[in-house]
Amino acid sequence: MLLNIKAKPSSLFVADEDPTAEAEGEPPGEVDFPWHCKAGIAANIQLVKQEFCKERGLKSFKIALTGKPLTGKSHFSS
């Protein structure tokens, strides 16, 4: 199966073609944007999770897991 999607990347993800940017000591494609996860998602997973839940109106919930001994309750609940 082939899928042809005509999509255009955001300007944040495309490097500038301006040769003067390198001459001025600024890396090409660098955007003045307030990143709060420069170290990556793994280093800031709690911040990403909080932002995700806030934007989508998600709230945490509790569940009760019951079953017979040695059926994997502890394994699956962890």
PDB file of N, CA and C in Angstrom:
ATOM      1  N   MET A   1       0.840  -1.184   0.000  1.00  0.00           N
ATOM      2  CA  MET A   1       0.000   0.000   0.000  1.00  0.00           C
ATOM      3  C   MET A   1       0.881   1.242   0.000  1.00  0.00           C
ATOM      4  N   LEU A   2       0.495   2.196  -0.769  1.00  0.00           N
ATOM      5  CA  LEU A   2       1.213   3.462  -0.813  1.00  0.00           C
ATOM      6  C   LEU A   2       0.270   4.579  -0.413  1.00  0.00           C
ATOM      7  N   LEU A   3       0.819   5.555   0.277  1.00  0.00           N
ATOM      8  CA  LEU A   3       0.023   6.687   0.722  1.00  0.00           C
ATOM      9  C   LEU A   3       0.787   7.956   0.399  1.00  0.00           C
ATOM     10  N   ASN A   4       0.177   8.844  -0.333  1.00  0.00           N
ATOM     11  CA  ASN A   4       0.822  10.087  -0.711  1.00  0.00           C
ATOM     12  C   ASN A   4       0.175  11.223   0.078  1.00  0.00           C
ATOM     13  N   ILE A   5       0.865  11.698   1.096  1.00  0.00           N
ATOM     14  CA  ILE A   5       0.350  12.790   1.921  1.00  0.00           C
ATOM     15  C   ILE A   5       1.102  14.056   1.550  1.00  0.00           C
ATOM     16  N   LYS A   6       0.366  15.055   1.181  1.00  0.00           N
ATOM     17  CA  LYS A   6       0.981  16.337   0.858  1.00  0.00           C
ATOM     18  C   LYS A   6       0.951  17.195   2.119  1.00  0.00           C
ATOM     19  N   ALA A   7       2.067  17.229   2.831  1.00  0.00           N
ATOM     20  CA  ALA A   7       2.159  17.977   4.079  1.00  0.00           C
ATOM     21  C   ALA A   7       3.352  18.924   4.017  1.00  0.00           C
ATOM     22  N   LYS A   8       3.234  20.023   4.708  1.00  0.00           N
ATOM     23  CA  LYS A   8       4.284  21.023   4.723  1.00  0.00           C
ATOM     24  C   LYS A   8       4.748  21.198   6.173  1.00  0.00           C
ATOM     25  N   PRO A   9       6.046  21.030   6.471  1.00  0.00           N
ATOM     26  CA  PRO A   9       6.500  21.146   7.857  1.00  0.00           C
ATOM     27  C   PRO A   9       6.423  22.579   8.361  1.00  0.00           C
ATOM     28  N   SER A  10       6.259  22.715   9.662  1.00  0.00           N
ATOM     29  CA  SER A  10       6.212  24.014  10.298  1.00  0.00           C
ATOM     30  C   SER A  10       7.565  24.707  10.162  1.00  0.00           C
ATOM     31  N   SER A  11       7.572  26.016  10.193  1.00  0.00           N
ATOM     32  CA  SER A  11       8.823  26.766  10.069  1.00  0.00           C
ATOM     33  C   SER A  11       9.756  26.508  11.246  1.00  0.00           C
ATOM     34  N   LEU A  12       9.247  26.024  12.375  1.00  0.00           N
ATOM     35  CA  LEU A  12      10.104  25.706  13.520  1.00  0.00           C
ATOM     36  C   LEU A  12      11.007  24.515  13.239  1.00  0.00           C
ATOM     37  N   PHE A  13      10.588  23.617  12.330  1.00  0.00           N
ATOM     38  CA  PHE A  13      11.323  22.404  12.069  1.00  0.00           C
ATOM     39  C   PHE A  13      12.146  22.456  10.786  1.00  0.00           C
ATOM     40  N   VAL A  14      12.143  23.570  10.101  1.00  0.00           N
ATOM     41  CA  VAL A  14      12.875  23.700   8.855  1.00  0.00           C
ATOM     42  C   VAL A  14      14.026  24.671   9.066  1.00  0.00           C
ATOM     43  N   ALA A  15      15.229  24.258   8.679  1.00  0.00           N
ATOM     44  CA  ALA A  15      16.405  25.108   8.819  1.00  0.00           C
ATOM     45  C   ALA A  15      16.332  26.267   7.839  1.00  0.00           C
ATOM     46  N   ASP A  16      16.824  27.426   8.268  1.00  0.00           N
ATOM     47  CA  ASP A  16      16.866  28.593   7.389  1.00  0.00           C
ATOM     48  C   ASP A  16      17.909  28.376   6.299  1.00  0.00           C
ATOM     49  N   GLU A  17      17.628  28.900   5.142  1.00  0.00           N
ATOM     50  CA  GLU A  17      18.560  28.832   4.027  1.00  0.00           C
ATOM     51  C   GLU A  17      19.431  30.079   3.976  1.00  0.00           C
ATOM     52  N   ASP A  18      19.427  30.873   5.047  1.00  0.00           N
ATOM     53  CA  ASP A  18      20.155  32.136   5.101  1.00  0.00           C
ATOM     54  C   ASP A  18      21.625  31.884   5.425  1.00  0.00           C
ATOM     55  N   PRO A  19      22.551  32.119   4.477  1.00  0.00           N
ATOM     56  CA  PRO A  19      23.972  31.866   4.744  1.00  0.00           C
ATOM     57  C   PRO A  19      24.565  32.849   5.747  1.00  0.00           C
ATOM     58  N   THR A  20      23.932  33.985   5.972  1.00  0.00           N
ATOM     59  CA  THR A  20      24.476  34.975   6.918  1.00  0.00           C
ATOM     60  C   THR A  20      24.263  34.538   8.360  1.00  0.00           C
ATOM     61  N   ALA A  21      23.351  33.621   8.617  1.00  0.00           N
ATOM     62  CA  ALA A  21      23.095  33.171   9.980  1.00  0.00           C
ATOM     63  C   ALA A  21      24.312  32.456  10.555  1.00  0.00           C
ATOM     64  N   GLU A  22      25.003  31.665   9.730  1.00  0.00           N
ATOM     65  CA  GLU A  22      26.194  30.978  10.199  1.00  0.00           C
ATOM     66  C   GLU A  22      27.337  31.953  10.427  1.00  0.00           C
ATOM     67  N   ALA A  23      27.441  32.973   9.592  1.00  0.00           N
ATOM     68  CA  ALA A  23      28.510  33.944   9.704  1.00  0.00           C
ATOM     69  C   ALA A  23      28.377  34.769  10.979  1.00  0.00           C
ATOM     70  N   GLU A  24      27.167  34.979  11.441  1.00  0.00           N
ATOM     71  CA  GLU A  24      26.954  35.768  12.641  1.00  0.00           C
ATOM     72  C   GLU A  24      27.105  34.941  13.906  1.00  0.00           C
ATOM     73  N   GLY A  25      27.457  33.662  13.795  1.00  0.00           N
ATOM     74  CA  GLY A  25      27.632  32.818  14.954  1.00  0.00           C
ATOM     75  C   GLY A  25      26.353  32.174  15.439  1.00  0.00           C
ATOM     76  N   GLU A  26      25.287  32.333  14.717  1.00  0.00           N
ATOM     77  CA  GLU A  26      24.002  31.756  15.085  1.00  0.00           C
ATOM     78  C   GLU A  26      23.778  30.525  14.232  1.00  0.00           C
ATOM     79  N   PRO A  27      23.495  29.368  14.851  1.00  0.00           N
ATOM     80  CA  PRO A  27      23.275  28.168  14.039  1.00  0.00           C
ATOM     81  C   PRO A  27      22.056  28.327  13.134  1.00  0.00           C
ATOM     82  N   PRO A  28      22.118  27.753  11.931  1.00  0.00           N
ATOM     83  CA  PRO A  28      20.976  27.883  11.020  1.00  0.00           C
ATOM     84  C   PRO A  28      19.753  27.173  11.577  1.00  0.00           C
ATOM     85  N   GLY A  29      18.602  27.780  11.401  1.00  0.00           N
ATOM     86  CA  GLY A  29      17.370  27.178  11.842  1.00  0.00           C
ATOM     87  C   GLY A  29      17.046  27.441  13.303  1.00  0.00           C
ATOM     88  N   GLU A  30      17.907  28.131  14.014  1.00  0.00           N
ATOM     89  CA  GLU A  30      17.666  28.414  15.439  1.00  0.00           C
ATOM     90  C   GLU A  30      16.533  29.429  15.555  1.00  0.00           C
ATOM     91  N   VAL A  31      15.540  29.121  16.353  1.00  0.00           N
ATOM     92  CA  VAL A  31      14.361  29.955  16.513  1.00  0.00           C
ATOM     93  C   VAL A  31      14.289  30.435  17.954  1.00  0.00           C
ATOM     94  N   ASP A  32      13.983  31.704  18.134  1.00  0.00           N
ATOM     95  CA  ASP A  32      13.839  32.240  19.482  1.00  0.00           C
ATOM     96  C   ASP A  32      12.475  31.807  20.014  1.00  0.00           C
ATOM     97  N   PHE A  33      12.468  30.681  20.705  1.00  0.00           N
ATOM     98  CA  PHE A  33      11.235  30.077  21.188  1.00  0.00           C
ATOM     99  C   PHE A  33      11.483  29.581  22.605  1.00  0.00           C
ATOM    100  N   PRO A  34      10.586  29.837  23.539  1.00  0.00           N
ATOM    101  CA  PRO A  34      10.829  29.429  24.930  1.00  0.00           C
ATOM    102  C   PRO A  34      10.628  27.924  25.148  1.00  0.00           C
ATOM    103  N   TRP A  35      11.618  27.117  24.826  1.00  0.00           N
ATOM    104  CA  TRP A  35      11.519  25.671  25.019  1.00  0.00           C
ATOM    105  C   TRP A  35      11.586  25.346  26.497  1.00  0.00           C
ATOM    106  N   HIS A  36      10.715  24.474  26.977  1.00  0.00           N
ATOM    107  CA  HIS A  36      10.824  24.043  28.354  1.00  0.00           C
ATOM    108  C   HIS A  36      11.250  22.581  28.444  1.00  0.00           C
ATOM    109  N   CYS A  37      11.526  21.978  27.328  1.00  0.00           N
ATOM    110  CA  CYS A  37      12.008  20.589  27.322  1.00  0.00           C
ATOM    111  C   CYS A  37      13.236  20.460  26.427  1.00  0.00           C
ATOM    112  N   LYS A  38      14.202  21.361  26.571  1.00  0.00           N
ATOM    113  CA  LYS A  38      15.392  21.289  25.728  1.00  0.00           C
ATOM    114  C   LYS A  38      16.170  20.010  25.952  1.00  0.00           C
ATOM    115  N   ALA A  39      16.112  19.462  27.179  1.00  0.00           N
ATOM    116  CA  ALA A  39      16.843  18.227  27.489  1.00  0.00           C
ATOM    117  C   ALA A  39      16.133  16.995  26.940  1.00  0.00           C
ATOM    118  N   GLY A  40      14.949  17.165  26.371  1.00  0.00           N
ATOM    119  CA  GLY A  40      14.217  16.046  25.798  1.00  0.00           C
ATOM    120  C   GLY A  40      13.014  15.656  26.626  1.00  0.00           C
ATOM    121  N   ILE A  41      12.160  14.852  26.040  1.00  0.00           N
ATOM    122  CA  ILE A  41      10.923  14.453  26.703  1.00  0.00           C
ATOM    123  C   ILE A  41      11.202  13.559  27.905  1.00  0.00           C
ATOM    124  N   ALA A  42      12.162  12.634  27.770  1.00  0.00           N
ATOM    125  CA  ALA A  42      12.427  11.691  28.865  1.00  0.00           C
ATOM    126  C   ALA A  42      12.856  12.422  30.132  1.00  0.00           C
ATOM    127  N   ALA A  43      13.647  13.491  30.010  1.00  0.00           N
ATOM    128  CA  ALA A  43      14.118  14.234  31.179  1.00  0.00           C
ATOM    129  C   ALA A  43      13.009  15.077  31.798  1.00  0.00           C
ATOM    130  N   ASN A  44      11.977  15.397  31.040  1.00  0.00           N
ATOM    131  CA  ASN A  44      10.905  16.266  31.516  1.00  0.00           C
ATOM    132  C   ASN A  44       9.535  15.616  31.395  1.00  0.00           C
ATOM    133  N   ILE A  45       9.485  14.306  31.599  1.00  0.00           N
ATOM    134  CA  ILE A  45       8.244  13.579  31.350  1.00  0.00           C
ATOM    135  C   ILE A  45       7.110  14.041  32.264  1.00  0.00           C
ATOM    136  N   GLN A  46       7.405  14.413  33.500  1.00  0.00           N
ATOM    137  CA  GLN A  46       6.345  14.864  34.406  1.00  0.00           C
ATOM    138  C   GLN A  46       5.732  16.176  33.910  1.00  0.00           C
ATOM    139  N   LEU A  47       6.565  17.090  33.421  1.00  0.00           N
ATOM    140  CA  LEU A  47       6.072  18.356  32.880  1.00  0.00           C
ATOM    141  C   LEU A  47       5.217  18.117  31.637  1.00  0.00           C
ATOM    142  N   VAL A  48       5.662  17.221  30.779  1.00  0.00           N
ATOM    143  CA  VAL A  48       4.902  16.889  29.566  1.00  0.00           C
ATOM    144  C   VAL A  48       3.562  16.267  29.950  1.00  0.00           C
ATOM    145  N   LYS A  49       3.589  15.359  30.921  1.00  0.00           N
ATOM    146  CA  LYS A  49       2.353  14.699  31.375  1.00  0.00           C
ATOM    147  C   LYS A  49       1.366  15.710  31.951  1.00  0.00           C
ATOM    148  N   GLN A  50       1.868  16.623  32.786  1.00  0.00           N
ATOM    149  CA  GLN A  50       0.990  17.633  33.379  1.00  0.00           C
ATOM    150  C   GLN A  50       0.378  18.531  32.313  1.00  0.00           C
ATOM    151  N   GLU A  51       1.193  18.945  31.344  1.00  0.00           N
ATOM    152  CA  GLU A  51       0.699  19.803  30.262  1.00  0.00           C
ATOM    153  C   GLU A  51      -0.328  19.058  29.412  1.00  0.00           C
ATOM    154  N   PHE A  52      -0.055  17.800  29.095  1.00  0.00           N
ATOM    155  CA  PHE A  52      -0.967  16.983  28.297  1.00  0.00           C
ATOM    156  C   PHE A  52      -2.318  16.840  28.994  1.00  0.00           C
ATOM    157  N   CYS A  53      -2.290  16.496  30.295  1.00  0.00           N
ATOM    158  CA  CYS A  53      -3.530  16.299  31.047  1.00  0.00           C
ATOM    159  C   CYS A  53      -4.303  17.610  31.198  1.00  0.00           C
ATOM    160  N   LYS A  54      -3.591  18.710  31.400  1.00  0.00           N
ATOM    161  CA  LYS A  54      -4.250  20.012  31.555  1.00  0.00           C
ATOM    162  C   LYS A  54      -4.951  20.430  30.267  1.00  0.00           C
ATOM    163  N   GLU A  55      -4.280  20.285  29.137  1.00  0.00           N
ATOM    164  CA  GLU A  55      -4.839  20.708  27.852  1.00  0.00           C
ATOM    165  C   GLU A  55      -6.049  19.873  27.446  1.00  0.00           C
ATOM    166  N   ARG A  56      -6.073  18.607  27.839  1.00  0.00           N
ATOM    167  CA  ARG A  56      -7.169  17.725  27.449  1.00  0.00           C
ATOM    168  C   ARG A  56      -8.203  17.507  28.542  1.00  0.00           C
ATOM    169  N   GLY A  57      -7.998  18.186  29.679  1.00  0.00           N
ATOM    170  CA  GLY A  57      -8.969  18.097  30.768  1.00  0.00           C
ATOM    171  C   GLY A  57      -9.028  16.721  31.406  1.00  0.00           C
ATOM    172  N   LEU A  58      -7.897  16.011  31.432  1.00  0.00           N
ATOM    173  CA  LEU A  58      -7.864  14.672  32.004  1.00  0.00           C
ATOM    174  C   LEU A  58      -7.585  14.742  33.499  1.00  0.00           C
ATOM    175  N   LYS A  59      -8.178  13.854  34.244  1.00  0.00           N
ATOM    176  CA  LYS A  59      -7.966  13.793  35.684  1.00  0.00           C
ATOM    177  C   LYS A  59      -7.579  12.368  36.045  1.00  0.00           C
ATOM    178  N   SER A  60      -6.758  12.235  37.091  1.00  0.00           N
ATOM    179  CA  SER A  60      -6.344  10.905  37.511  1.00  0.00           C
ATOM    180  C   SER A  60      -7.506  10.185  38.179  1.00  0.00           C
ATOM    181  N   PHE A  61      -7.432   8.881  38.190  1.00  0.00           N
ATOM    182  CA  PHE A  61      -8.472   8.089  38.821  1.00  0.00           C
ATOM    183  C   PHE A  61      -7.828   6.894  39.515  1.00  0.00           C
ATOM    184  N   LYS A  62      -8.556   6.300  40.430  1.00  0.00           N
ATOM    185  CA  LYS A  62      -8.074   5.135  41.157  1.00  0.00           C
ATOM    186  C   LYS A  62      -8.915   3.926  40.770  1.00  0.00           C
ATOM    187  N   ILE A  63      -8.268   2.778  40.790  1.00  0.00           N
ATOM    188  CA  ILE A  63      -8.988   1.542  40.504  1.00  0.00           C
ATOM    189  C   ILE A  63      -8.677   0.536  41.608  1.00  0.00           C
ATOM    190  N   ALA A  64      -9.542  -0.404  41.773  1.00  0.00           N
ATOM    191  CA  ALA A  64      -9.328  -1.512  42.703  1.00  0.00           C
ATOM    192  C   ALA A  64      -9.143  -2.777  41.881  1.00  0.00           C
ATOM    193  N   LEU A  65      -8.084  -3.493  42.152  1.00  0.00           N
ATOM    194  CA  LEU A  65      -7.771  -4.710  41.407  1.00  0.00           C
ATOM    195  C   LEU A  65      -7.839  -5.888  42.366  1.00  0.00           C
ATOM    196  N   THR A  66      -8.720  -6.804  42.094  1.00  0.00           N
ATOM    197  CA  THR A  66      -8.890  -7.967  42.971  1.00  0.00           C
ATOM    198  C   THR A  66      -8.746  -9.241  42.169  1.00  0.00           C
ATOM    199  N   GLY A  67      -8.463 -10.309  42.861  1.00  0.00           N
ATOM    200  CA  GLY A  67      -8.348 -11.601  42.197  1.00  0.00           C
ATOM    201  C   GLY A  67      -7.752 -12.636  43.122  1.00  0.00           C
ATOM    202  N   LYS A  68      -7.676 -13.834  42.651  1.00  0.00           N
ATOM    203  CA  LYS A  68      -7.131 -14.942  43.430  1.00  0.00           C
ATOM    204  C   LYS A  68      -5.615 -14.792  43.550  1.00  0.00           C
ATOM    205  N   PRO A  69      -5.027 -15.436  44.549  1.00  0.00           N
ATOM    206  CA  PRO A  69      -3.569 -15.392  44.702  1.00  0.00           C
ATOM    207  C   PRO A  69      -2.847 -15.924  43.461  1.00  0.00           C
ATOM    208  N   LEU A  70      -1.704 -15.305  43.166  1.00  0.00           N
ATOM    209  CA  LEU A  70      -0.824 -15.706  42.059  1.00  0.00           C
ATOM    210  C   LEU A  70      -1.468 -15.585  40.678  1.00  0.00           C
ATOM    211  N   THR A  71      -2.361 -14.609  40.500  1.00  0.00           N
ATOM    212  CA  THR A  71      -2.960 -14.391  39.177  1.00  0.00           C
ATOM    213  C   THR A  71      -2.337 -13.203  38.455  1.00  0.00           C
ATOM    214  N   GLY A  72      -1.367 -12.512  39.083  1.00  0.00           N
ATOM    215  CA  GLY A  72      -0.662 -11.410  38.426  1.00  0.00           C
ATOM    216  C   GLY A  72      -1.170 -10.034  38.774  1.00  0.00           C
ATOM    217  N   LYS A  73      -1.868  -9.893  39.895  1.00  0.00           N
ATOM    218  CA  LYS A  73      -2.400  -8.579  40.292  1.00  0.00           C
ATOM    219  C   LYS A  73      -1.269  -7.585  40.500  1.00  0.00           C
ATOM    220  N   SER A  74      -0.266  -7.977  41.255  1.00  0.00           N
ATOM    221  CA  SER A  74       0.874  -7.082  41.524  1.00  0.00           C
ATOM    222  C   SER A  74       1.632  -6.749  40.251  1.00  0.00           C
ATOM    223  N   HIS A  75       1.821  -7.747  39.395  1.00  0.00           N
ATOM    224  CA  HIS A  75       2.535  -7.536  38.137  1.00  0.00           C
ATOM    225  C   HIS A  75       1.830  -6.519  37.255  1.00  0.00           C
ATOM    226  N   PHE A  76       0.549  -6.697  37.033  1.00  0.00           N
ATOM    227  CA  PHE A  76      -0.184  -5.808  36.132  1.00  0.00           C
ATOM    228  C   PHE A  76      -0.482  -4.456  36.760  1.00  0.00           C
ATOM    229  N   SER A  77      -0.590  -4.384  38.066  1.00  0.00           N
ATOM    230  CA  SER A  77      -0.863  -3.090  38.694  1.00  0.00           C
ATOM    231  C   SER A  77       0.385  -2.217  38.764  1.00  0.00           C
ATOM    232  N   SER A  78       1.571  -2.840  38.722  1.00  0.00           N
ATOM    233  CA  SER A  78       2.789  -2.027  38.747  1.00  0.00           C
ATOM    234  C   SER A  78       3.003  -1.392  37.395  1.00  0.00           C
TER     235      SER A  78
END
